[in-house]
Amino acid sequence: MDIDSRINDTAEQLFDHNGFNATGMSRLIKMTGLSSRTVYKHVAGKNTLVARVLAERHARFFAAMCFDDVDRLFTGLSDWTSREGARGCLFFRLQAETGGQVEAIETAVSAYHAELHARVTELVTATLGHADSLVTDQILALFEGATTAATYRGPAVMDAARAGAYRLLDSKPAR
């Protein structure tokens, strides 16, 4: 593993499990096993690092997800949650923790949400044959709600969200 990947992977794990404010550069340096000089040579600071981590997570998330139909959407979310852990959305957790005060996090959250909205809009349009902003927002609420609810209800909540989305799209009978 190269140095940048080592730093990013460690930082993502720390941000995901401990949050932004509780993750100091000294802790990151200790966890990577690298010298502070090496870490700062590769990363200017924590805000730069969180931007890099969120950009990589964004790319990884959308590469793992399939927005072709409702079943694949919620299966993908269930698989992601099983693989990454059911701790809720890292983007939204970091944004809530920092109260909108860290520009790098705000920018990453905006980019993530814009792409998620666009992809769900495409799914709705393809399924219904026309755009429907209300149905798009409702499916987004189910998707984001399932992500959060999985933290305390477990992965079965994805099935409930999937059934709700089918009902909204009237494309498959609810279970």
N, C-alpha and C. Protein backbone atom coordinates (compact mmCIF):
# COMPACT_ATOMS: atom_id res chain seq x y z
N MET A 1 0.85 -1.18 0.00
CA MET A 1 0.00 0.00 0.00
C MET A 1 0.90 1.24 0.00
N ASP A 2 0.59 2.19 -0.89
CA ASP A 2 1.41 3.40 -0.93
C ASP A 2 1.07 4.32 0.25
N ILE A 3 1.89 5.33 0.44
CA ILE A 3 1.74 6.21 1.61
C ILE A 3 0.42 6.95 1.59
N ASP A 4 0.03 7.51 0.43
CA ASP A 4 -1.24 8.23 0.37
C ASP A 4 -2.42 7.34 0.72
N SER A 5 -2.42 6.12 0.21
CA SER A 5 -3.51 5.18 0.53
C SER A 5 -3.51 4.83 2.01
N ARG A 6 -2.36 4.65 2.56
CA ARG A 6 -2.24 4.33 3.99
C ARG A 6 -2.80 5.46 4.85
N ILE A 7 -2.45 6.69 4.49
CA ILE A 7 -2.95 7.85 5.23
C ILE A 7 -4.46 7.97 5.05
N ASN A 8 -4.94 7.88 3.82
CA ASN A 8 -6.37 8.02 3.56
C ASN A 8 -7.19 6.93 4.23
N ASP A 9 -6.74 5.69 4.13
CA ASP A 9 -7.49 4.58 4.75
C ASP A 9 -7.56 4.73 6.27
N THR A 10 -6.45 5.12 6.86
CA THR A 10 -6.42 5.32 8.31
C THR A 10 -7.32 6.48 8.70
N ALA A 11 -7.22 7.58 7.96
CA ALA A 11 -8.04 8.76 8.26
C ALA A 11 -9.53 8.45 8.11
N GLU A 12 -9.89 7.72 7.06
CA GLU A 12 -11.30 7.39 6.87
C GLU A 12 -11.82 6.56 8.04
N GLN A 13 -11.03 5.59 8.45
CA GLN A 13 -11.44 4.76 9.59
C GLN A 13 -11.60 5.61 10.85
N LEU A 14 -10.67 6.52 11.09
CA LEU A 14 -10.75 7.37 12.29
C LEU A 14 -11.94 8.32 12.21
N PHE A 15 -12.14 8.98 11.07
CA PHE A 15 -13.28 9.89 10.92
C PHE A 15 -14.59 9.12 11.06
N ASP A 16 -14.65 7.94 10.47
CA ASP A 16 -15.88 7.15 10.49
C ASP A 16 -16.22 6.65 11.89
N HIS A 17 -15.23 6.25 12.65
CA HIS A 17 -15.48 5.69 13.98
C HIS A 17 -15.45 6.72 15.10
N ASN A 18 -14.69 7.80 14.92
CA ASN A 18 -14.52 8.76 16.01
C ASN A 18 -14.99 10.17 15.71
N GLY A 19 -15.27 10.47 14.46
CA GLY A 19 -15.69 11.80 14.08
C GLY A 19 -14.52 12.68 13.68
N PHE A 20 -14.86 13.86 13.21
CA PHE A 20 -13.86 14.81 12.72
C PHE A 20 -13.14 15.48 13.88
N ASN A 21 -13.90 16.01 14.82
CA ASN A 21 -13.30 16.77 15.92
C ASN A 21 -12.42 15.91 16.83
N ALA A 22 -12.78 14.66 17.01
CA ALA A 22 -12.01 13.78 17.90
C ALA A 22 -10.79 13.18 17.21
N THR A 23 -10.66 13.41 15.91
CA THR A 23 -9.53 12.86 15.16
C THR A 23 -8.50 13.95 14.95
N GLY A 24 -7.46 13.91 15.74
CA GLY A 24 -6.37 14.87 15.58
C GLY A 24 -5.29 14.31 14.68
N MET A 25 -4.48 15.20 14.16
CA MET A 25 -3.38 14.77 13.29
C MET A 25 -2.39 13.90 14.06
N SER A 26 -2.20 14.17 15.34
CA SER A 26 -1.25 13.36 16.11
C SER A 26 -1.74 11.91 16.22
N ARG A 27 -3.04 11.75 16.38
CA ARG A 27 -3.60 10.39 16.44
C ARG A 27 -3.46 9.69 15.08
N LEU A 28 -3.72 10.44 14.02
CA LEU A 28 -3.57 9.88 12.68
C LEU A 28 -2.13 9.43 12.44
N ILE A 29 -1.19 10.28 12.81
CA ILE A 29 0.23 9.96 12.64
C ILE A 29 0.57 8.68 13.39
N LYS A 30 0.10 8.59 14.62
CA LYS A 30 0.37 7.39 15.43
C LYS A 30 -0.23 6.15 14.78
N MET A 31 -1.47 6.25 14.31
CA MET A 31 -2.16 5.09 13.73
C MET A 31 -1.56 4.65 12.40
N THR A 32 -1.01 5.58 11.63
CA THR A 32 -0.40 5.20 10.35
C THR A 32 0.97 4.58 10.54
N GLY A 33 1.61 4.90 11.67
CA GLY A 33 2.97 4.42 11.90
C GLY A 33 4.01 5.18 11.09
N LEU A 34 3.59 6.30 10.53
CA LEU A 34 4.50 7.14 9.74
C LEU A 34 5.01 8.29 10.59
N SER A 35 6.06 8.91 10.16
CA SER A 35 6.56 10.09 10.88
C SER A 35 5.67 11.28 10.57
N SER A 36 5.65 12.25 11.47
CA SER A 36 4.85 13.45 11.23
C SER A 36 5.34 14.17 9.97
N ARG A 37 6.62 14.15 9.76
CA ARG A 37 7.19 14.80 8.57
C ARG A 37 6.61 14.16 7.29
N THR A 38 6.56 12.83 7.27
CA THR A 38 6.02 12.12 6.10
C THR A 38 4.54 12.44 5.91
N VAL A 39 3.77 12.40 6.98
CA VAL A 39 2.34 12.67 6.87
C VAL A 39 2.11 14.08 6.35
N TYR A 40 2.78 15.08 6.93
CA TYR A 40 2.56 16.46 6.50
C TYR A 40 3.14 16.73 5.11
N LYS A 41 4.05 15.90 4.66
CA LYS A 41 4.55 16.02 3.29
C LYS A 41 3.45 15.62 2.30
N HIS A 42 2.59 14.69 2.72
CA HIS A 42 1.53 14.18 1.86
C HIS A 42 0.18 14.86 2.08
N VAL A 43 0.01 15.48 3.24
CA VAL A 43 -1.27 16.13 3.57
C VAL A 43 -0.97 17.45 4.26
N ALA A 44 -1.56 18.52 3.76
CA ALA A 44 -1.30 19.84 4.34
C ALA A 44 -1.93 20.01 5.73
N GLY A 45 -3.02 19.32 5.99
CA GLY A 45 -3.69 19.45 7.27
C GLY A 45 -4.98 18.64 7.29
N LYS A 46 -5.67 18.72 8.39
CA LYS A 46 -6.87 17.89 8.58
C LYS A 46 -7.99 18.24 7.60
N ASN A 47 -8.19 19.51 7.30
CA ASN A 47 -9.25 19.89 6.37
C ASN A 47 -8.97 19.36 4.96
N THR A 48 -7.72 19.44 4.55
CA THR A 48 -7.32 18.89 3.26
C THR A 48 -7.53 17.38 3.25
N LEU A 49 -7.18 16.75 4.34
CA LEU A 49 -7.31 15.30 4.45
C LEU A 49 -8.77 14.86 4.42
N VAL A 50 -9.64 15.55 5.14
CA VAL A 50 -11.05 15.15 5.15
C VAL A 50 -11.65 15.32 3.76
N ALA A 51 -11.23 16.35 3.04
CA ALA A 51 -11.72 16.54 1.67
C ALA A 51 -11.30 15.37 0.79
N ARG A 52 -10.06 14.94 0.93
CA ARG A 52 -9.54 13.82 0.15
C ARG A 52 -10.26 12.52 0.51
N VAL A 53 -10.45 12.29 1.79
CA VAL A 53 -11.13 11.08 2.26
C VAL A 53 -12.57 11.04 1.74
N LEU A 54 -13.27 12.16 1.84
CA LEU A 54 -14.67 12.18 1.39
C LEU A 54 -14.77 12.06 -0.13
N ALA A 55 -13.83 12.63 -0.85
CA ALA A 55 -13.83 12.49 -2.32
C ALA A 55 -13.63 11.03 -2.71
N GLU A 56 -12.73 10.35 -2.04
CA GLU A 56 -12.50 8.93 -2.33
C GLU A 56 -13.71 8.08 -1.94
N ARG A 57 -14.31 8.39 -0.80
CA ARG A 57 -15.49 7.62 -0.36
C ARG A 57 -16.65 7.86 -1.33
N HIS A 58 -16.81 9.09 -1.76
CA HIS A 58 -17.84 9.44 -2.74
C HIS A 58 -17.67 8.57 -4.00
N ALA A 59 -16.47 8.55 -4.54
CA ALA A 59 -16.20 7.77 -5.76
C ALA A 59 -16.45 6.28 -5.52
N ARG A 60 -16.01 5.78 -4.39
CA ARG A 60 -16.18 4.36 -4.07
C ARG A 60 -17.66 4.00 -3.88
N PHE A 61 -18.39 4.89 -3.22
CA PHE A 61 -19.82 4.64 -2.99
C PHE A 61 -20.58 4.57 -4.31
N PHE A 62 -20.39 5.57 -5.17
CA PHE A 62 -21.16 5.58 -6.41
C PHE A 62 -20.71 4.50 -7.38
N ALA A 63 -19.47 4.07 -7.29
CA ALA A 63 -19.00 2.94 -8.11
C ALA A 63 -19.65 1.64 -7.64
N ALA A 64 -19.94 1.54 -6.35
CA ALA A 64 -20.53 0.32 -5.78
C ALA A 64 -22.04 0.26 -5.95
N MET A 65 -22.67 1.39 -6.14
CA MET A 65 -24.13 1.45 -6.20
C MET A 65 -24.63 1.28 -7.64
N CYS A 66 -25.85 0.77 -7.77
CA CYS A 66 -26.50 0.65 -9.08
C CYS A 66 -27.85 1.35 -8.98
N PHE A 67 -28.06 2.28 -9.86
CA PHE A 67 -29.29 3.07 -9.85
C PHE A 67 -30.21 2.70 -11.00
N ASP A 68 -30.08 1.47 -11.52
CA ASP A 68 -30.91 1.03 -12.65
C ASP A 68 -32.36 0.79 -12.26
N ASP A 69 -32.56 0.28 -11.05
CA ASP A 69 -33.92 0.04 -10.58
C ASP A 69 -33.93 0.02 -9.05
N VAL A 70 -35.11 0.05 -8.49
CA VAL A 70 -35.28 0.13 -7.04
C VAL A 70 -34.64 -1.07 -6.33
N ASP A 71 -34.83 -2.25 -6.87
CA ASP A 71 -34.28 -3.43 -6.21
C ASP A 71 -32.76 -3.33 -6.10
N ARG A 72 -32.11 -2.99 -7.20
CA ARG A 72 -30.65 -2.87 -7.18
C ARG A 72 -30.19 -1.71 -6.29
N LEU A 73 -30.96 -0.65 -6.25
CA LEU A 73 -30.61 0.50 -5.41
C LEU A 73 -30.53 0.08 -3.94
N PHE A 74 -31.58 -0.57 -3.45
CA PHE A 74 -31.60 -0.94 -2.04
C PHE A 74 -30.76 -2.17 -1.73
N THR A 75 -30.57 -3.05 -2.71
CA THR A 75 -29.62 -4.15 -2.52
C THR A 75 -28.21 -3.59 -2.40
N GLY A 76 -27.89 -2.62 -3.25
CA GLY A 76 -26.57 -1.98 -3.18
C GLY A 76 -26.35 -1.29 -1.86
N LEU A 77 -27.37 -0.60 -1.36
CA LEU A 77 -27.25 0.08 -0.07
C LEU A 77 -27.07 -0.94 1.06
N SER A 78 -27.81 -2.03 0.99
CA SER A 78 -27.67 -3.09 2.00
C SER A 78 -26.26 -3.69 1.96
N ASP A 79 -25.76 -3.95 0.76
CA ASP A 79 -24.41 -4.49 0.62
C ASP A 79 -23.37 -3.51 1.16
N TRP A 80 -23.53 -2.23 0.84
CA TRP A 80 -22.60 -1.19 1.32
C TRP A 80 -22.60 -1.15 2.84
N THR A 81 -23.79 -1.16 3.43
CA THR A 81 -23.91 -1.10 4.88
C THR A 81 -23.30 -2.33 5.53
N SER A 82 -23.49 -3.48 4.93
CA SER A 82 -22.89 -4.71 5.47
C SER A 82 -21.37 -4.65 5.40
N ARG A 83 -20.85 -4.13 4.31
CA ARG A 83 -19.40 -4.07 4.10
C ARG A 83 -18.74 -2.96 4.92
N GLU A 84 -19.34 -1.78 4.92
CA GLU A 84 -18.73 -0.60 5.55
C GLU A 84 -19.14 -0.41 7.00
N GLY A 85 -20.26 -1.03 7.38
CA GLY A 85 -20.77 -0.86 8.74
C GLY A 85 -22.00 0.03 8.75
N ALA A 86 -22.89 -0.25 9.66
CA ALA A 86 -24.14 0.50 9.78
C ALA A 86 -23.98 1.59 10.83
N ARG A 87 -23.34 2.67 10.43
CA ARG A 87 -23.14 3.81 11.33
C ARG A 87 -23.80 5.07 10.80
N GLY A 88 -24.61 4.94 9.77
CA GLY A 88 -25.21 6.11 9.15
C GLY A 88 -24.27 6.68 8.10
N CYS A 89 -24.72 7.73 7.45
CA CYS A 89 -23.97 8.34 6.36
C CYS A 89 -22.81 9.18 6.91
N LEU A 90 -21.59 8.84 6.53
CA LEU A 90 -20.42 9.58 7.00
C LEU A 90 -20.48 11.05 6.60
N PHE A 91 -20.95 11.33 5.40
CA PHE A 91 -21.04 12.72 4.94
C PHE A 91 -21.93 13.54 5.88
N PHE A 92 -23.11 13.03 6.15
CA PHE A 92 -24.05 13.76 6.98
C PHE A 92 -23.62 13.81 8.45
N ARG A 93 -22.99 12.74 8.92
CA ARG A 93 -22.51 12.75 10.31
C ARG A 93 -21.43 13.81 10.50
N LEU A 94 -20.49 13.89 9.55
CA LEU A 94 -19.43 14.90 9.67
C LEU A 94 -19.99 16.31 9.54
N GLN A 95 -20.96 16.49 8.65
CA GLN A 95 -21.57 17.80 8.50
C GLN A 95 -22.30 18.21 9.78
N ALA A 96 -23.05 17.29 10.36
CA ALA A 96 -23.77 17.59 11.60
C ALA A 96 -22.80 17.89 12.74
N GLU A 97 -21.73 17.12 12.81
CA GLU A 97 -20.75 17.31 13.88
C GLU A 97 -20.07 18.67 13.80
N THR A 98 -19.79 19.13 12.60
CA THR A 98 -19.05 20.39 12.44
C THR A 98 -19.97 21.59 12.23
N GLY A 99 -21.26 21.36 12.18
CA GLY A 99 -22.22 22.45 12.10
C GLY A 99 -22.05 23.37 10.91
N GLY A 100 -21.57 22.83 9.81
CA GLY A 100 -21.41 23.65 8.61
C GLY A 100 -20.22 24.57 8.64
N GLN A 101 -19.33 24.39 9.60
CA GLN A 101 -18.20 25.31 9.78
C GLN A 101 -16.93 24.89 9.06
N VAL A 102 -16.91 23.70 8.46
CA VAL A 102 -15.71 23.23 7.75
C VAL A 102 -16.04 23.17 6.26
N GLU A 103 -15.48 24.10 5.52
CA GLU A 103 -15.81 24.23 4.10
C GLU A 103 -15.56 22.95 3.32
N ALA A 104 -14.48 22.25 3.62
CA ALA A 104 -14.16 21.01 2.90
C ALA A 104 -15.27 19.98 3.07
N ILE A 105 -15.83 19.91 4.26
CA ILE A 105 -16.92 18.95 4.52
C ILE A 105 -18.19 19.42 3.82
N GLU A 106 -18.50 20.69 3.89
CA GLU A 106 -19.69 21.23 3.24
C GLU A 106 -19.65 20.99 1.73
N THR A 107 -18.49 21.22 1.14
CA THR A 107 -18.33 21.01 -0.30
C THR A 107 -18.53 19.54 -0.66
N ALA A 108 -17.95 18.66 0.13
CA ALA A 108 -18.08 17.22 -0.12
C ALA A 108 -19.52 16.75 0.04
N VAL A 109 -20.20 17.23 1.07
CA VAL A 109 -21.59 16.84 1.30
C VAL A 109 -22.47 17.34 0.15
N SER A 110 -22.24 18.56 -0.29
CA SER A 110 -23.02 19.11 -1.41
C SER A 110 -22.83 18.28 -2.67
N ALA A 111 -21.58 17.91 -2.96
CA ALA A 111 -21.30 17.11 -4.15
C ALA A 111 -21.94 15.73 -4.05
N TYR A 112 -21.84 15.12 -2.87
CA TYR A 112 -22.44 13.80 -2.65
C TYR A 112 -23.95 13.87 -2.84
N HIS A 113 -24.58 14.83 -2.18
CA HIS A 113 -26.03 14.92 -2.25
C HIS A 113 -26.51 15.27 -3.65
N ALA A 114 -25.77 16.13 -4.36
CA ALA A 114 -26.15 16.48 -5.73
C ALA A 114 -26.12 15.25 -6.64
N GLU A 115 -25.07 14.43 -6.51
CA GLU A 115 -25.00 13.23 -7.34
C GLU A 115 -26.07 12.22 -6.95
N LEU A 116 -26.30 12.04 -5.65
CA LEU A 116 -27.34 11.11 -5.21
C LEU A 116 -28.70 11.55 -5.75
N HIS A 117 -28.99 12.83 -5.65
CA HIS A 117 -30.26 13.36 -6.15
C HIS A 117 -30.38 13.14 -7.66
N ALA A 118 -29.32 13.42 -8.39
CA ALA A 118 -29.34 13.25 -9.85
C ALA A 118 -29.56 11.78 -10.23
N ARG A 119 -28.90 10.89 -9.52
CA ARG A 119 -29.01 9.46 -9.86
C ARG A 119 -30.41 8.92 -9.52
N VAL A 120 -30.98 9.35 -8.40
CA VAL A 120 -32.33 8.91 -8.06
C VAL A 120 -33.35 9.54 -9.02
N THR A 121 -33.11 10.78 -9.42
CA THR A 121 -33.97 11.42 -10.42
C THR A 121 -33.98 10.61 -11.72
N GLU A 122 -32.81 10.15 -12.15
CA GLU A 122 -32.71 9.32 -13.36
C GLU A 122 -33.48 8.01 -13.18
N LEU A 123 -33.37 7.39 -12.02
CA LEU A 123 -34.09 6.15 -11.74
C LEU A 123 -35.59 6.38 -11.84
N VAL A 124 -36.07 7.43 -11.20
CA VAL A 124 -37.51 7.73 -11.20
C VAL A 124 -37.98 8.02 -12.62
N THR A 125 -37.23 8.83 -13.35
CA THR A 125 -37.60 9.18 -14.72
C THR A 125 -37.65 7.95 -15.61
N ALA A 126 -36.67 7.07 -15.48
CA ALA A 126 -36.64 5.85 -16.29
C ALA A 126 -37.80 4.92 -15.93
N THR A 127 -38.15 4.86 -14.66
CA THR A 127 -39.22 3.96 -14.22
C THR A 127 -40.60 4.49 -14.59
N LEU A 128 -40.82 5.78 -14.36
CA LEU A 128 -42.14 6.36 -14.61
C LEU A 128 -42.32 6.86 -16.04
N GLY A 129 -41.21 7.07 -16.73
CA GLY A 129 -41.29 7.64 -18.08
C GLY A 129 -41.32 9.15 -18.09
N HIS A 130 -41.22 9.74 -16.91
CA HIS A 130 -41.18 11.20 -16.78
C HIS A 130 -40.59 11.55 -15.42
N ALA A 131 -40.09 12.76 -15.32
CA ALA A 131 -39.53 13.21 -14.03
C ALA A 131 -40.67 13.47 -13.05
N ASP A 132 -40.40 13.23 -11.79
CA ASP A 132 -41.36 13.52 -10.73
C ASP A 132 -40.55 13.89 -9.49
N SER A 133 -40.43 15.18 -9.23
CA SER A 133 -39.57 15.64 -8.14
C SER A 133 -40.06 15.19 -6.77
N LEU A 134 -41.38 15.07 -6.60
CA LEU A 134 -41.90 14.61 -5.32
C LEU A 134 -41.51 13.15 -5.07
N VAL A 135 -41.69 12.30 -6.05
CA VAL A 135 -41.32 10.89 -5.90
C VAL A 135 -39.81 10.76 -5.69
N THR A 136 -39.04 11.57 -6.41
CA THR A 136 -37.58 11.56 -6.21
C THR A 136 -37.25 11.89 -4.76
N ASP A 137 -37.84 12.95 -4.23
CA ASP A 137 -37.57 13.32 -2.84
C ASP A 137 -38.04 12.25 -1.86
N GLN A 138 -39.15 11.61 -2.16
CA GLN A 138 -39.65 10.55 -1.28
C GLN A 138 -38.70 9.34 -1.28
N ILE A 139 -38.19 8.97 -2.44
CA ILE A 139 -37.26 7.84 -2.50
C ILE A 139 -35.94 8.21 -1.83
N LEU A 140 -35.50 9.46 -2.01
CA LEU A 140 -34.30 9.91 -1.29
C LEU A 140 -34.51 9.82 0.22
N ALA A 141 -35.69 10.20 0.68
CA ALA A 141 -35.98 10.13 2.12
C ALA A 141 -35.96 8.67 2.59
N LEU A 142 -36.48 7.77 1.80
CA LEU A 142 -36.43 6.34 2.15
C LEU A 142 -34.98 5.84 2.17
N PHE A 143 -34.20 6.23 1.18
CA PHE A 143 -32.80 5.81 1.06
C PHE A 143 -31.99 6.32 2.24
N GLU A 144 -32.09 7.62 2.50
CA GLU A 144 -31.32 8.21 3.59
C GLU A 144 -31.85 7.75 4.95
N GLY A 145 -33.16 7.59 5.04
CA GLY A 145 -33.74 7.08 6.28
C GLY A 145 -33.31 5.65 6.57
N ALA A 146 -33.25 4.82 5.54
CA ALA A 146 -32.81 3.44 5.72
C ALA A 146 -31.35 3.40 6.15
N THR A 147 -30.55 4.30 5.61
CA THR A 147 -29.13 4.37 5.99
C THR A 147 -29.00 4.66 7.48
N THR A 148 -29.81 5.57 7.97
CA THR A 148 -29.79 5.92 9.40
C THR A 148 -30.44 4.82 10.24
N ALA A 149 -31.60 4.36 9.82
CA ALA A 149 -32.33 3.35 10.61
C ALA A 149 -31.56 2.04 10.73
N ALA A 150 -30.72 1.74 9.76
CA ALA A 150 -29.92 0.51 9.83
C ALA A 150 -28.99 0.51 11.04
N THR A 151 -28.68 1.70 11.58
CA THR A 151 -27.80 1.78 12.75
C THR A 151 -28.44 1.15 13.98
N TYR A 152 -29.76 1.18 14.06
CA TYR A 152 -30.42 0.62 15.25
C TYR A 152 -31.45 -0.46 14.91
N ARG A 153 -31.84 -0.57 13.64
CA ARG A 153 -32.82 -1.60 13.25
C ARG A 153 -32.18 -2.77 12.52
N GLY A 154 -30.95 -2.57 12.05
CA GLY A 154 -30.28 -3.62 11.29
C GLY A 154 -30.60 -3.57 9.82
N PRO A 155 -30.03 -4.49 9.06
CA PRO A 155 -30.16 -4.46 7.60
C PRO A 155 -31.57 -4.75 7.08
N ALA A 156 -32.42 -5.35 7.89
CA ALA A 156 -33.79 -5.65 7.43
C ALA A 156 -34.56 -4.40 7.06
N VAL A 157 -34.16 -3.26 7.59
CA VAL A 157 -34.85 -2.02 7.28
C VAL A 157 -34.75 -1.68 5.79
N MET A 158 -33.73 -2.20 5.13
CA MET A 158 -33.58 -1.96 3.68
C MET A 158 -34.75 -2.55 2.91
N ASP A 159 -35.26 -3.69 3.37
CA ASP A 159 -36.41 -4.31 2.71
C ASP A 159 -37.65 -3.44 2.85
N ALA A 160 -37.83 -2.84 4.01
CA ALA A 160 -38.97 -1.95 4.21
C ALA A 160 -38.85 -0.72 3.31
N ALA A 161 -37.66 -0.16 3.21
CA ALA A 161 -37.44 1.01 2.35
C ALA A 161 -37.68 0.64 0.88
N ARG A 162 -37.20 -0.53 0.49
CA ARG A 162 -37.40 -1.01 -0.89
C ARG A 162 -38.90 -1.13 -1.19
N ALA A 163 -39.64 -1.74 -0.27
CA ALA A 163 -41.09 -1.90 -0.47
C ALA A 163 -41.78 -0.55 -0.57
N GLY A 164 -41.36 0.40 0.25
CA GLY A 164 -41.93 1.74 0.17
C GLY A 164 -41.64 2.41 -1.16
N ALA A 165 -40.43 2.23 -1.66
CA ALA A 165 -40.07 2.81 -2.95
C ALA A 165 -40.89 2.19 -4.08
N TYR A 166 -41.07 0.86 -4.03
CA TYR A 166 -41.90 0.21 -5.03
C TYR A 166 -43.33 0.76 -4.99
N ARG A 167 -43.83 0.94 -3.81
CA ARG A 167 -45.19 1.46 -3.68
C ARG A 167 -45.29 2.86 -4.29
N LEU A 168 -44.27 3.69 -4.03
CA LEU A 168 -44.26 5.04 -4.60
C LEU A 168 -44.23 5.01 -6.12
N LEU A 169 -43.46 4.09 -6.65
CA LEU A 169 -43.33 3.99 -8.11
C LEU A 169 -44.44 3.16 -8.74
N ASP A 170 -45.22 2.49 -7.88
CA ASP A 170 -46.31 1.63 -8.33
C ASP A 170 -45.83 0.66 -9.40
N SER A 171 -44.59 0.16 -9.22
CA SER A 171 -44.04 -0.74 -10.22
C SER A 171 -43.98 -2.19 -9.75
N LYS A 172 -44.31 -2.42 -8.50
CA LYS A 172 -44.31 -3.78 -7.97
C LYS A 172 -45.16 -3.77 -6.71
N PRO A 173 -45.96 -4.77 -6.51
CA PRO A 173 -46.77 -4.78 -5.29
C PRO A 173 -45.90 -4.78 -4.03
N ALA A 174 -46.34 -4.04 -3.04
CA ALA A 174 -45.62 -4.01 -1.76
C ALA A 174 -45.75 -5.37 -1.09
N ARG A 175 -44.70 -5.75 -0.36
CA ARG A 175 -44.70 -7.06 0.32
C ARG A 175 -45.39 -6.98 1.64
